[in-house]
Amino acid sequence: MSIKFSEDVALLADLKVNPGRVVKHAAVTHRRVLLTSQRPGVAVMQSVADYEQAAEEHAFMRAVVGGLADLNTSREVSLAEAKARFGLAYGRDCRQV
């Protein structure tokens, strides 16, 4: 998700005068809005839904990277061992959990 500087930058004064316009822009475009003052950038606004999705994606990617690191350092376990650690049934006649 990249910022389109021609569209996604708002002055703090704009936020004070018409906050609904700035919030709606972030929600409709699904992009962050860079809030500026007299200096380049002071804050970033994002819709809650987009923030939650980004947080979930970030957590997922951290887990994937952690899993790959475990594989690279030979810290993997078999499915049978993992199920045993969690007390899950394992065998041909057991349903997959």
C-alpha atoms as a PDB file:
ATOM      1  CA  MET A   1       0.000   0.000   0.000  1.00  0.00           C
ATOM      2  CA  SER A   2       1.742   3.130  -1.169  1.00  0.00           C
ATOM      3  CA  ILE A   3       0.891   6.751  -0.575  1.00  0.00           C
ATOM      4  CA  LYS A   4      -0.108   8.796  -3.596  1.00  0.00           C
ATOM      5  CA  PHE A   5       1.342  12.130  -2.601  1.00  0.00           C
ATOM      6  CA  SER A   6      -0.964  13.961  -5.013  1.00  0.00           C
ATOM      7  CA  GLU A   7      -4.009  12.530  -3.200  1.00  0.00           C
ATOM      8  CA  ASP A   8      -3.059  11.133   0.208  1.00  0.00           C
ATOM      9  CA  VAL A   9      -1.560  14.117   1.998  1.00  0.00           C
ATOM     10  CA  ALA A  10      -3.608  16.370   4.250  1.00  0.00           C
ATOM     11  CA  LEU A  11      -2.667  19.364   6.353  1.00  0.00           C
ATOM     12  CA  LEU A  12      -3.430  19.190  10.046  1.00  0.00           C
ATOM     13  CA  ALA A  13      -5.546  22.297   9.459  1.00  0.00           C
ATOM     14  CA  ASP A  14      -7.698  20.232   7.036  1.00  0.00           C
ATOM     15  CA  LEU A  15      -8.196  17.665   9.773  1.00  0.00           C
ATOM     16  CA  LYS A  16      -9.378  20.389  12.152  1.00  0.00           C
ATOM     17  CA  VAL A  17     -11.716  22.008   9.603  1.00  0.00           C
ATOM     18  CA  ASN A  18     -13.174  18.910   7.925  1.00  0.00           C
ATOM     19  CA  PRO A  19     -12.096  15.705   9.699  1.00  0.00           C
ATOM     20  CA  GLY A  20     -14.841  13.669   8.018  1.00  0.00           C
ATOM     21  CA  ARG A  21     -13.387  14.292   4.558  1.00  0.00           C
ATOM     22  CA  VAL A  22      -9.939  13.095   5.605  1.00  0.00           C
ATOM     23  CA  VAL A  23     -11.274  10.029   7.430  1.00  0.00           C
ATOM     24  CA  LYS A  24     -13.587   9.136   4.535  1.00  0.00           C
ATOM     25  CA  HIS A  25     -10.682   9.409   2.070  1.00  0.00           C
ATOM     26  CA  ALA A  26      -8.644   6.912   4.125  1.00  0.00           C
ATOM     27  CA  ALA A  27     -11.605   4.525   4.385  1.00  0.00           C
ATOM     28  CA  VAL A  28     -12.653   4.711   0.717  1.00  0.00           C
ATOM     29  CA  THR A  29      -9.200   4.514  -0.864  1.00  0.00           C
ATOM     30  CA  HIS A  30      -7.829   1.936   1.627  1.00  0.00           C
ATOM     31  CA  ARG A  31      -4.617   3.973   1.717  1.00  0.00           C
ATOM     32  CA  ARG A  32      -2.951   5.799   4.563  1.00  0.00           C
ATOM     33  CA  VAL A  33      -3.218   9.576   4.688  1.00  0.00           C
ATOM     34  CA  LEU A  34      -0.047  11.464   5.570  1.00  0.00           C
ATOM     35  CA  LEU A  35      -0.824  14.361   7.887  1.00  0.00           C
ATOM     36  CA  THR A  36       1.533  17.296   7.581  1.00  0.00           C
ATOM     37  CA  SER A  37       2.114  20.571   9.323  1.00  0.00           C
ATOM     38  CA  GLN A  38       4.932  22.981   8.598  1.00  0.00           C
ATOM     39  CA  ARG A  39       7.334  20.080   8.493  1.00  0.00           C
ATOM     40  CA  PRO A  40       7.173  17.122   6.092  1.00  0.00           C
ATOM     41  CA  GLY A  41       5.051  14.567   7.954  1.00  0.00           C
ATOM     42  CA  VAL A  42       3.770  14.427  11.509  1.00  0.00           C
ATOM     43  CA  ALA A  43       1.365  11.464  11.528  1.00  0.00           C
ATOM     44  CA  VAL A  44      -0.382   8.853   9.414  1.00  0.00           C
ATOM     45  CA  MET A  45      -4.123   8.122   9.432  1.00  0.00           C
ATOM     46  CA  GLN A  46      -5.561   4.769   8.428  1.00  0.00           C
ATOM     47  CA  SER A  47      -8.992   3.185   8.701  1.00  0.00           C
ATOM     48  CA  VAL A  48      -9.473   0.689  11.516  1.00  0.00           C
ATOM     49  CA  ALA A  49     -10.402  -2.106   9.104  1.00  0.00           C
ATOM     50  CA  ASP A  50      -7.242  -1.560   7.052  1.00  0.00           C
ATOM     51  CA  TYR A  51      -5.127  -1.353  10.226  1.00  0.00           C
ATOM     52  CA  GLU A  52      -6.550  -4.644  11.533  1.00  0.00           C
ATOM     53  CA  GLN A  53      -5.987  -6.377   8.195  1.00  0.00           C
ATOM     54  CA  ALA A  54      -2.395  -5.106   8.029  1.00  0.00           C
ATOM     55  CA  ALA A  55      -1.781  -6.260  11.610  1.00  0.00           C
ATOM     56  CA  GLU A  56      -3.116  -9.749  10.814  1.00  0.00           C
ATOM     57  CA  GLU A  57      -0.991  -9.961   7.666  1.00  0.00           C
ATOM     58  CA  HIS A  58       2.062  -8.803   9.619  1.00  0.00           C
ATOM     59  CA  ALA A  59       1.495 -11.450  12.320  1.00  0.00           C
ATOM     60  CA  PHE A  60       1.013 -14.143   9.668  1.00  0.00           C
ATOM     61  CA  MET A  61       4.217 -13.169   7.857  1.00  0.00           C
ATOM     62  CA  ARG A  62       6.163 -13.166  11.158  1.00  0.00           C
ATOM     63  CA  ALA A  63       4.891 -16.703  11.799  1.00  0.00           C
ATOM     64  CA  VAL A  64       5.900 -17.817   8.296  1.00  0.00           C
ATOM     65  CA  VAL A  65       9.371 -16.335   8.704  1.00  0.00           C
ATOM     66  CA  GLY A  66       9.674 -17.983  12.123  1.00  0.00           C
ATOM     67  CA  GLY A  67       8.647 -21.336  10.640  1.00  0.00           C
ATOM     68  CA  LEU A  68      11.177 -21.004   7.832  1.00  0.00           C
ATOM     69  CA  ALA A  69      13.873 -20.130  10.368  1.00  0.00           C
ATOM     70  CA  ASP A  70      12.935 -23.267  12.330  1.00  0.00           C
ATOM     71  CA  LEU A  71      13.288 -25.368   9.170  1.00  0.00           C
ATOM     72  CA  ASN A  72      16.678 -23.821   8.399  1.00  0.00           C
ATOM     73  CA  THR A  73      17.945 -24.712  11.865  1.00  0.00           C
ATOM     74  CA  SER A  74      16.422 -28.227  11.865  1.00  0.00           C
ATOM     75  CA  ARG A  75      13.930 -27.434  14.633  1.00  0.00           C
ATOM     76  CA  GLU A  76      10.989 -29.146  12.925  1.00  0.00           C
ATOM     77  CA  VAL A  77       8.997 -32.027  14.411  1.00  0.00           C
ATOM     78  CA  SER A  78       6.893 -34.709  12.760  1.00  0.00           C
ATOM     79  CA  LEU A  79       3.112 -34.428  12.612  1.00  0.00           C
ATOM     80  CA  ALA A  80       2.808 -37.366  15.002  1.00  0.00           C
ATOM     81  CA  GLU A  81       5.098 -35.666  17.540  1.00  0.00           C
ATOM     82  CA  ALA A  82       3.238 -32.353  17.241  1.00  0.00           C
ATOM     83  CA  LYS A  83      -0.120 -34.062  17.796  1.00  0.00           C
ATOM     84  CA  ALA A  84       1.304 -35.950  20.777  1.00  0.00           C
ATOM     85  CA  ARG A  85       2.577 -32.703  22.315  1.00  0.00           C
ATOM     86  CA  PHE A  86      -0.897 -31.188  22.056  1.00  0.00           C
ATOM     87  CA  GLY A  87      -2.688 -34.357  23.147  1.00  0.00           C
ATOM     88  CA  LEU A  88      -4.390 -34.912  19.804  1.00  0.00           C
ATOM     89  CA  ALA A  89      -5.275 -38.321  18.402  1.00  0.00           C
ATOM     90  CA  TYR A  90      -3.079 -39.642  15.637  1.00  0.00           C
ATOM     91  CA  GLY A  91      -3.549 -42.724  13.514  1.00  0.00           C
ATOM     92  CA  ARG A  92      -5.196 -44.153  10.416  1.00  0.00           C
ATOM     93  CA  ASP A  93      -8.640 -44.528  11.992  1.00  0.00           C
ATOM     94  CA  CYS A  94      -8.672 -41.055  13.619  1.00  0.00           C
ATOM     95  CA  ARG A  95     -10.174 -38.073  11.951  1.00  0.00           C
ATOM     96  CA  GLN A  96      -7.824 -35.269  10.984  1.00  0.00           C
ATOM     97  CA  VAL A  97      -7.785 -32.485  13.546  1.00  0.00           C
END
